[in-house]
Amino acid sequence: MSDYDFCGMSAEHLGALAVELASRWEARCESERCDRRGASRRREAGAGPKYGLAFVDRLLVTLVHLRTGLTHAALGVIDEVGSSTIGRAIVGIRPLLAERGFTGPGQPGLRLRTLEDVFAYAEAERVTLRIDGTETQVRRPQAGRPSRRSFVSGKRNQNTIKTTTLSDGQGRTLFSGALRPGRMHDQTAVRNEGIAEQFHQHPGVKAAVDRGYRGLASEFPGQVSAPPRKPKAPLTATGP
């Protein structure tokens, strides 16, 4: 999976990313363990159960998942582990990538970490944004969980989570986050995630969206463009 076609990175770039994130990941894991124990470590580092995937493998799995959209089950077959192991790996690594942010094309020193950063960049650089929501299948939430039904996607008829993704005209990702249950409509997510508010604050930003964000295009006709509505099928006479 370390091939460029899978993860989208050269071996040199991947190695530098692993070195950069490894210490943050270990610090986060240790902090979570301390919270569960309610006290500091008592045994030496390295004691206790071992991870199903090493850190580099977890990073690779997450990068391939984000790039290709492969399901947890498919990635588990490749790494010879269970889909739940893949899910835990992605949940652990993805926040580290989000905190690191995305670079602006041709501006390696620039980091886009929030929606505010992306909209300010798009306005300054006259970039037309592409906004979309991608669905990823997840394990069915545990029975009795109050929000269990909210994960059932009406579009895919599966338990999913949706991720809001913003990219430029060349398809380069500028933001990926704002996770939400699969049952939530894209237009509702616009309100909850503050995307509509960003168009108010940055009137010079333009964007292209799909049919799921048609309400956004109606509210900001000079900034947001969506595909035209499909014409209604003509009524046909029926009867004896």
C-alpha atoms as a PDB file:
ATOM      1  CA  MET A   1       0.000   0.000   0.000  1.00  0.00           C
ATOM      2  CA  SER A   2       3.014   2.299   0.161  1.00  0.00           C
ATOM      3  CA  ASP A   3       2.948   2.603  -3.639  1.00  0.00           C
ATOM      4  CA  TYR A   4       2.213   6.142  -4.871  1.00  0.00           C
ATOM      5  CA  ASP A   5      -0.932   5.007  -6.717  1.00  0.00           C
ATOM      6  CA  PHE A   6      -2.422   3.839  -3.413  1.00  0.00           C
ATOM      7  CA  CYS A   7      -1.356   6.402  -0.825  1.00  0.00           C
ATOM      8  CA  GLY A   8      -0.629   9.364  -3.118  1.00  0.00           C
ATOM      9  CA  MET A   9       2.810  10.044  -1.610  1.00  0.00           C
ATOM     10  CA  SER A  10       6.388   9.372  -2.549  1.00  0.00           C
ATOM     11  CA  ALA A  11       8.464   7.186  -0.216  1.00  0.00           C
ATOM     12  CA  GLU A  12      10.444  10.242   0.919  1.00  0.00           C
ATOM     13  CA  HIS A  13       7.331  12.289   1.707  1.00  0.00           C
ATOM     14  CA  LEU A  14       5.684   9.342   3.457  1.00  0.00           C
ATOM     15  CA  GLY A  15       8.743   8.789   5.646  1.00  0.00           C
ATOM     16  CA  ALA A  16       8.879  12.454   6.641  1.00  0.00           C
ATOM     17  CA  LEU A  17       5.157  12.415   7.485  1.00  0.00           C
ATOM     18  CA  ALA A  18       5.555   9.290   9.628  1.00  0.00           C
ATOM     19  CA  VAL A  19       8.428  10.861  11.574  1.00  0.00           C
ATOM     20  CA  GLU A  20       6.422  14.054  12.098  1.00  0.00           C
ATOM     21  CA  LEU A  21       3.270  12.330  13.377  1.00  0.00           C
ATOM     22  CA  ALA A  22       4.706   9.376  15.326  1.00  0.00           C
ATOM     23  CA  SER A  23       5.495  11.322  18.494  1.00  0.00           C
ATOM     24  CA  ARG A  24       2.091  13.056  18.447  1.00  0.00           C
ATOM     25  CA  TRP A  25       0.324   9.733  18.064  1.00  0.00           C
ATOM     26  CA  GLU A  26       2.242   8.147  20.938  1.00  0.00           C
ATOM     27  CA  ALA A  27       1.581  11.176  23.159  1.00  0.00           C
ATOM     28  CA  ARG A  28      -2.155  11.007  22.386  1.00  0.00           C
ATOM     29  CA  CYS A  29      -2.261   7.266  23.093  1.00  0.00           C
ATOM     30  CA  GLU A  30      -0.458   7.730  26.396  1.00  0.00           C
ATOM     31  CA  SER A  31      -2.833  10.530  27.369  1.00  0.00           C
ATOM     32  CA  GLU A  32      -5.849   8.326  26.628  1.00  0.00           C
ATOM     33  CA  ARG A  33      -4.367   5.476  28.666  1.00  0.00           C
ATOM     34  CA  CYS A  34      -3.732   7.811  31.571  1.00  0.00           C
ATOM     35  CA  ASP A  35      -7.354   9.009  31.451  1.00  0.00           C
ATOM     36  CA  ARG A  36      -8.623   5.420  31.501  1.00  0.00           C
ATOM     37  CA  ARG A  37      -6.337   4.424  34.370  1.00  0.00           C
ATOM     38  CA  GLY A  38      -6.901   7.572  36.321  1.00  0.00           C
ATOM     39  CA  ALA A  39      -3.199   7.601  37.186  1.00  0.00           C
ATOM     40  CA  SER A  40       0.261   7.646  35.635  1.00  0.00           C
ATOM     41  CA  ARG A  41       1.924   4.579  34.081  1.00  0.00           C
ATOM     42  CA  ARG A  42       3.032   1.920  36.563  1.00  0.00           C
ATOM     43  CA  ARG A  43       4.646  -0.549  34.169  1.00  0.00           C
ATOM     44  CA  GLU A  44       7.496   0.034  31.775  1.00  0.00           C
ATOM     45  CA  ALA A  45       6.775   1.332  28.302  1.00  0.00           C
ATOM     46  CA  GLY A  46       6.023  -1.530  25.904  1.00  0.00           C
ATOM     47  CA  ALA A  47       4.309  -3.752  28.456  1.00  0.00           C
ATOM     48  CA  GLY A  48       0.753  -4.940  27.946  1.00  0.00           C
ATOM     49  CA  PRO A  49      -1.141  -5.950  24.781  1.00  0.00           C
ATOM     50  CA  LYS A  50       0.378  -5.024  21.432  1.00  0.00           C
ATOM     51  CA  TYR A  51      -1.299  -3.103  18.641  1.00  0.00           C
ATOM     52  CA  GLY A  52      -2.682  -5.090  15.702  1.00  0.00           C
ATOM     53  CA  LEU A  53      -1.056  -2.587  13.340  1.00  0.00           C
ATOM     54  CA  ALA A  54       2.159  -0.635  13.810  1.00  0.00           C
ATOM     55  CA  PHE A  55       1.982   3.135  13.518  1.00  0.00           C
ATOM     56  CA  VAL A  56       3.299   3.261   9.940  1.00  0.00           C
ATOM     57  CA  ASP A  57       0.728   0.654   8.884  1.00  0.00           C
ATOM     58  CA  ARG A  58      -2.024   2.678  10.549  1.00  0.00           C
ATOM     59  CA  LEU A  59      -0.886   5.790   8.712  1.00  0.00           C
ATOM     60  CA  LEU A  60      -0.809   3.940   5.383  1.00  0.00           C
ATOM     61  CA  VAL A  61      -4.274   2.466   5.921  1.00  0.00           C
ATOM     62  CA  THR A  62      -5.687   5.917   6.648  1.00  0.00           C
ATOM     63  CA  LEU A  63      -4.033   7.536   3.628  1.00  0.00           C
ATOM     64  CA  VAL A  64      -5.226   4.774   1.290  1.00  0.00           C
ATOM     65  CA  HIS A  65      -8.738   4.962   2.724  1.00  0.00           C
ATOM     66  CA  LEU A  66      -8.900   8.741   2.226  1.00  0.00           C
ATOM     67  CA  ARG A  67      -7.452   8.522  -1.286  1.00  0.00           C
ATOM     68  CA  THR A  68      -9.353   5.525  -2.683  1.00  0.00           C
ATOM     69  CA  GLY A  69     -12.456   5.190  -0.501  1.00  0.00           C
ATOM     70  CA  LEU A  70     -11.825   1.470   0.071  1.00  0.00           C
ATOM     71  CA  THR A  71     -14.014   0.032   2.827  1.00  0.00           C
ATOM     72  CA  HIS A  72     -12.669  -1.099   6.183  1.00  0.00           C
ATOM     73  CA  ALA A  73     -13.371  -4.716   5.205  1.00  0.00           C
ATOM     74  CA  ALA A  74     -11.354  -4.450   1.978  1.00  0.00           C
ATOM     75  CA  LEU A  75      -8.421  -2.812   3.758  1.00  0.00           C
ATOM     76  CA  GLY A  76      -8.593  -5.510   6.428  1.00  0.00           C
ATOM     77  CA  VAL A  77      -8.181  -8.201   3.768  1.00  0.00           C
ATOM     78  CA  ILE A  78      -5.076  -6.448   2.425  1.00  0.00           C
ATOM     79  CA  ASP A  79      -3.460  -6.142   5.879  1.00  0.00           C
ATOM     80  CA  GLU A  80      -4.850  -9.465   7.130  1.00  0.00           C
ATOM     81  CA  VAL A  81      -6.640  -7.922  10.116  1.00  0.00           C
ATOM     82  CA  GLY A  82     -10.275  -7.405  11.074  1.00  0.00           C
ATOM     83  CA  SER A  83     -12.328  -4.457   9.843  1.00  0.00           C
ATOM     84  CA  SER A  84     -12.665  -3.206  13.439  1.00  0.00           C
ATOM     85  CA  THR A  85      -8.852  -2.928  13.644  1.00  0.00           C
ATOM     86  CA  ILE A  86      -8.872  -0.850  10.468  1.00  0.00           C
ATOM     87  CA  GLY A  87     -11.633   1.353  11.867  1.00  0.00           C
ATOM     88  CA  ARG A  88      -9.710   2.029  15.079  1.00  0.00           C
ATOM     89  CA  ALA A  89      -6.584   2.841  13.083  1.00  0.00           C
ATOM     90  CA  ILE A  90      -8.387   5.411  10.933  1.00  0.00           C
ATOM     91  CA  VAL A  91     -10.141   6.982  13.914  1.00  0.00           C
ATOM     92  CA  GLY A  92      -6.781   7.394  15.647  1.00  0.00           C
ATOM     93  CA  ILE A  93      -4.792   8.778  12.708  1.00  0.00           C
ATOM     94  CA  ARG A  94      -7.339  10.982  10.989  1.00  0.00           C
ATOM     95  CA  PRO A  95      -7.417  13.687  13.726  1.00  0.00           C
ATOM     96  CA  LEU A  96      -3.620  13.970  13.504  1.00  0.00           C
ATOM     97  CA  LEU A  97      -3.847  14.625   9.763  1.00  0.00           C
ATOM     98  CA  ALA A  98      -6.627  17.168  10.309  1.00  0.00           C
ATOM     99  CA  GLU A  99      -4.578  19.045  12.915  1.00  0.00           C
ATOM    100  CA  ARG A 100      -1.654  19.125  10.500  1.00  0.00           C
ATOM    101  CA  GLY A 101      -3.855  20.731   7.866  1.00  0.00           C
ATOM    102  CA  PHE A 102      -3.592  20.889   4.075  1.00  0.00           C
ATOM    103  CA  THR A 103      -1.057  22.876   2.102  1.00  0.00           C
ATOM    104  CA  GLY A 104      -2.065  25.464  -0.454  1.00  0.00           C
ATOM    105  CA  PRO A 105      -0.993  24.586  -4.031  1.00  0.00           C
ATOM    106  CA  GLY A 106       2.424  26.123  -4.635  1.00  0.00           C
ATOM    107  CA  GLN A 107       2.578  27.439  -1.048  1.00  0.00           C
ATOM    108  CA  PRO A 108       4.208  24.735   1.118  1.00  0.00           C
ATOM    109  CA  GLY A 109       4.425  27.074   4.106  1.00  0.00           C
ATOM    110  CA  LEU A 110       0.663  27.635   4.157  1.00  0.00           C
ATOM    111  CA  ARG A 111      -1.548  25.376   6.289  1.00  0.00           C
ATOM    112  CA  LEU A 112      -5.325  25.200   5.891  1.00  0.00           C
ATOM    113  CA  ARG A 113      -6.791  23.661   9.038  1.00  0.00           C
ATOM    114  CA  THR A 114     -10.301  25.078   9.309  1.00  0.00           C
ATOM    115  CA  LEU A 115     -13.160  26.172   7.072  1.00  0.00           C
ATOM    116  CA  GLU A 116     -12.265  29.772   7.900  1.00  0.00           C
ATOM    117  CA  ASP A 117      -8.728  29.201   6.598  1.00  0.00           C
ATOM    118  CA  VAL A 118     -10.018  27.640   3.367  1.00  0.00           C
ATOM    119  CA  PHE A 119     -12.513  30.400   2.598  1.00  0.00           C
ATOM    120  CA  ALA A 120      -9.976  33.129   3.333  1.00  0.00           C
ATOM    121  CA  TYR A 121      -7.479  31.385   1.025  1.00  0.00           C
ATOM    122  CA  ALA A 122     -10.096  30.929  -1.725  1.00  0.00           C
ATOM    123  CA  GLU A 123     -11.059  34.607  -1.581  1.00  0.00           C
ATOM    124  CA  ALA A 124      -7.462  35.821  -1.649  1.00  0.00           C
ATOM    125  CA  GLU A 125      -6.367  33.473  -4.452  1.00  0.00           C
ATOM    126  CA  ARG A 126      -9.640  33.609  -6.437  1.00  0.00           C
ATOM    127  CA  VAL A 127     -10.097  29.853  -6.161  1.00  0.00           C
ATOM    128  CA  THR A 128     -13.463  28.330  -7.066  1.00  0.00           C
ATOM    129  CA  LEU A 129     -14.216  25.715  -4.437  1.00  0.00           C
ATOM    130  CA  ARG A 130     -15.773  22.300  -5.012  1.00  0.00           C
ATOM    131  CA  ILE A 131     -17.917  21.174  -2.067  1.00  0.00           C
ATOM    132  CA  ASP A 132     -19.099  17.608  -1.639  1.00  0.00           C
ATOM    133  CA  GLY A 133     -19.985  15.067   1.018  1.00  0.00           C
ATOM    134  CA  THR A 134     -18.455  11.585   0.829  1.00  0.00           C
ATOM    135  CA  GLU A 135     -19.929   8.560   2.596  1.00  0.00           C
ATOM    136  CA  THR A 136     -17.914   5.778   4.205  1.00  0.00           C
ATOM    137  CA  GLN A 137     -19.428   2.539   5.449  1.00  0.00           C
ATOM    138  CA  VAL A 138     -18.905   1.900   9.169  1.00  0.00           C
ATOM    139  CA  ARG A 139     -19.825  -0.845  11.606  1.00  0.00           C
ATOM    140  CA  ARG A 140     -23.398  -0.795  12.861  1.00  0.00           C
ATOM    141  CA  PRO A 141     -23.573   1.117  16.167  1.00  0.00           C
ATOM    142  CA  GLN A 142     -24.258  -0.946  19.281  1.00  0.00           C
ATOM    143  CA  ALA A 143     -27.896  -1.845  20.000  1.00  0.00           C
ATOM    144  CA  GLY A 144     -29.559   0.593  22.377  1.00  0.00           C
ATOM    145  CA  ARG A 145     -27.440   3.553  21.319  1.00  0.00           C
ATOM    146  CA  PRO A 146     -29.814   6.552  21.131  1.00  0.00           C
ATOM    147  CA  SER A 147     -28.485   7.817  17.786  1.00  0.00           C
ATOM    148  CA  ARG A 148     -28.190   4.396  16.141  1.00  0.00           C
ATOM    149  CA  ARG A 149     -30.719   5.080  13.372  1.00  0.00           C
ATOM    150  CA  SER A 150     -29.019   8.340  12.420  1.00  0.00           C
ATOM    151  CA  PHE A 151     -26.149   6.387  10.812  1.00  0.00           C
ATOM    152  CA  VAL A 152     -28.389   4.606   8.281  1.00  0.00           C
ATOM    153  CA  SER A 153     -27.889   6.330   4.941  1.00  0.00           C
ATOM    154  CA  GLY A 154     -31.020   6.574   2.831  1.00  0.00           C
ATOM    155  CA  LYS A 155     -28.883   6.853  -0.289  1.00  0.00           C
ATOM    156  CA  ARG A 156     -26.750   3.761   0.262  1.00  0.00           C
ATOM    157  CA  ASN A 157     -28.997   1.855   2.699  1.00  0.00           C
ATOM    158  CA  GLN A 158     -25.962   1.184   4.887  1.00  0.00           C
ATOM    159  CA  ASN A 159     -24.510   2.475   8.146  1.00  0.00           C
ATOM    160  CA  THR A 160     -22.223   5.314   7.087  1.00  0.00           C
ATOM    161  CA  ILE A 161     -20.558   8.519   8.151  1.00  0.00           C
ATOM    162  CA  LYS A 162     -20.317  11.544   5.863  1.00  0.00           C
ATOM    163  CA  THR A 163     -17.299  13.751   5.509  1.00  0.00           C
ATOM    164  CA  THR A 164     -17.413  17.256   4.044  1.00  0.00           C
ATOM    165  CA  THR A 165     -14.629  17.767   1.510  1.00  0.00           C
ATOM    166  CA  LEU A 166     -13.563  21.018  -0.134  1.00  0.00           C
ATOM    167  CA  SER A 167     -11.191  21.035  -3.096  1.00  0.00           C
ATOM    168  CA  ASP A 168     -10.036  23.392  -5.818  1.00  0.00           C
ATOM    169  CA  GLY A 169     -10.690  23.183  -9.547  1.00  0.00           C
ATOM    170  CA  GLN A 170      -7.812  20.718 -10.004  1.00  0.00           C
ATOM    171  CA  GLY A 171      -9.249  18.287  -7.474  1.00  0.00           C
ATOM    172  CA  ARG A 172      -6.643  19.083  -4.798  1.00  0.00           C
ATOM    173  CA  THR A 173      -8.111  18.683  -1.314  1.00  0.00           C
ATOM    174  CA  LEU A 174      -8.142  21.818   0.830  1.00  0.00           C
ATOM    175  CA  PHE A 175     -10.319  20.581   3.706  1.00  0.00           C
ATOM    176  CA  SER A 176     -11.697  17.242   4.856  1.00  0.00           C
ATOM    177  CA  GLY A 177     -13.609  16.965   8.090  1.00  0.00           C
ATOM    178  CA  ALA A 178     -16.864  17.855   9.837  1.00  0.00           C
ATOM    179  CA  LEU A 179     -17.921  14.217  10.236  1.00  0.00           C
ATOM    180  CA  ARG A 180     -21.626  13.530  10.608  1.00  0.00           C
ATOM    181  CA  PRO A 181     -23.978  10.520  10.635  1.00  0.00           C
ATOM    182  CA  GLY A 182     -24.942   9.184   7.216  1.00  0.00           C
ATOM    183  CA  ARG A 183     -28.670   9.918   7.625  1.00  0.00           C
ATOM    184  CA  MET A 184     -28.082  13.682   7.858  1.00  0.00           C
ATOM    185  CA  HIS A 185     -28.856  15.484   4.613  1.00  0.00           C
ATOM    186  CA  ASP A 186     -26.090  17.526   2.981  1.00  0.00           C
ATOM    187  CA  GLN A 187     -28.143  20.705   3.236  1.00  0.00           C
ATOM    188  CA  THR A 188     -28.598  20.222   7.001  1.00  0.00           C
ATOM    189  CA  ALA A 189     -24.865  19.739   7.358  1.00  0.00           C
ATOM    190  CA  VAL A 190     -24.310  23.098   5.637  1.00  0.00           C
ATOM    191  CA  ARG A 191     -26.083  24.775   8.537  1.00  0.00           C
ATOM    192  CA  ASN A 192     -24.472  22.718  11.268  1.00  0.00           C
ATOM    193  CA  GLU A 193     -20.926  23.090   9.946  1.00  0.00           C
ATOM    194  CA  GLY A 194     -21.095  26.847   9.305  1.00  0.00           C
ATOM    195  CA  ILE A 195     -20.513  26.677   5.542  1.00  0.00           C
ATOM    196  CA  ALA A 196     -23.368  29.079   4.808  1.00  0.00           C
ATOM    197  CA  GLU A 197     -21.969  31.540   7.340  1.00  0.00           C
ATOM    198  CA  GLN A 198     -18.601  31.474   5.558  1.00  0.00           C
ATOM    199  CA  PHE A 199     -20.255  32.573   2.309  1.00  0.00           C
ATOM    200  CA  HIS A 200     -21.758  35.531   4.202  1.00  0.00           C
ATOM    201  CA  GLN A 201     -18.341  36.476   5.562  1.00  0.00           C
ATOM    202  CA  HIS A 202     -16.516  35.964   2.244  1.00  0.00           C
ATOM    203  CA  PRO A 203     -18.799  37.303  -0.513  1.00  0.00           C
ATOM    204  CA  GLY A 204     -16.044  36.995  -3.111  1.00  0.00           C
ATOM    205  CA  VAL A 205     -15.806  33.194  -2.822  1.00  0.00           C
ATOM    206  CA  LYS A 206     -17.457  31.086  -5.511  1.00  0.00           C
ATOM    207  CA  ALA A 207     -18.192  27.377  -5.356  1.00  0.00           C
ATOM    208  CA  ALA A 208     -19.625  24.514  -7.389  1.00  0.00           C
ATOM    209  CA  VAL A 209     -21.801  21.906  -5.669  1.00  0.00           C
ATOM    210  CA  ASP A 210     -23.943  18.886  -6.527  1.00  0.00           C
ATOM    211  CA  ARG A 211     -27.711  18.499  -6.193  1.00  0.00           C
ATOM    212  CA  GLY A 212     -27.475  17.769  -2.465  1.00  0.00           C
ATOM    213  CA  TYR A 213     -26.495  21.404  -1.853  1.00  0.00           C
ATOM    214  CA  ARG A 214     -29.134  22.980  -4.092  1.00  0.00           C
ATOM    215  CA  GLY A 215     -30.496  24.979  -1.159  1.00  0.00           C
ATOM    216  CA  LEU A 216     -27.085  26.603  -0.743  1.00  0.00           C
ATOM    217  CA  ALA A 217     -27.116  27.596  -4.415  1.00  0.00           C
ATOM    218  CA  SER A 218     -30.588  29.106  -4.001  1.00  0.00           C
ATOM    219  CA  GLU A 219     -29.460  31.163  -1.002  1.00  0.00           C
ATOM    220  CA  PHE A 220     -26.262  32.389  -2.691  1.00  0.00           C
ATOM    221  CA  PRO A 221     -27.123  32.507  -6.417  1.00  0.00           C
ATOM    222  CA  GLY A 222     -24.169  34.743  -7.270  1.00  0.00           C
ATOM    223  CA  GLN A 223     -21.629  32.587  -5.459  1.00  0.00           C
ATOM    224  CA  VAL A 224     -22.755  28.961  -5.599  1.00  0.00           C
ATOM    225  CA  SER A 225     -23.669  27.041  -8.741  1.00  0.00           C
ATOM    226  CA  ALA A 226     -25.519  23.705  -8.793  1.00  0.00           C
ATOM    227  CA  PRO A 227     -26.740  21.450 -11.628  1.00  0.00           C
ATOM    228  CA  PRO A 228     -30.165  22.391 -13.017  1.00  0.00           C
ATOM    229  CA  ARG A 229     -33.175  20.478 -11.825  1.00  0.00           C
ATOM    230  CA  LYS A 230     -34.191  17.477 -13.878  1.00  0.00           C
ATOM    231  CA  PRO A 231     -37.309  18.132 -15.950  1.00  0.00           C
ATOM    232  CA  LYS A 232     -40.397  16.373 -14.709  1.00  0.00           C
ATOM    233  CA  ALA A 233     -41.518  13.420 -16.773  1.00  0.00           C
ATOM    234  CA  PRO A 234     -44.647  14.185 -18.802  1.00  0.00           C
ATOM    235  CA  LEU A 235     -47.864  12.662 -17.593  1.00  0.00           C
ATOM    236  CA  THR A 236     -49.127   9.799 -19.721  1.00  0.00           C
ATOM    237  CA  ALA A 237     -52.688   8.805 -20.055  1.00  0.00           C
ATOM    238  CA  THR A 238     -53.687   5.504 -18.476  1.00  0.00           C
ATOM    239  CA  GLY A 239     -56.900   3.648 -18.379  1.00  0.00           C
ATOM    240  CA  PRO A 240     -59.001   1.219 -20.239  1.00  0.00           C
END
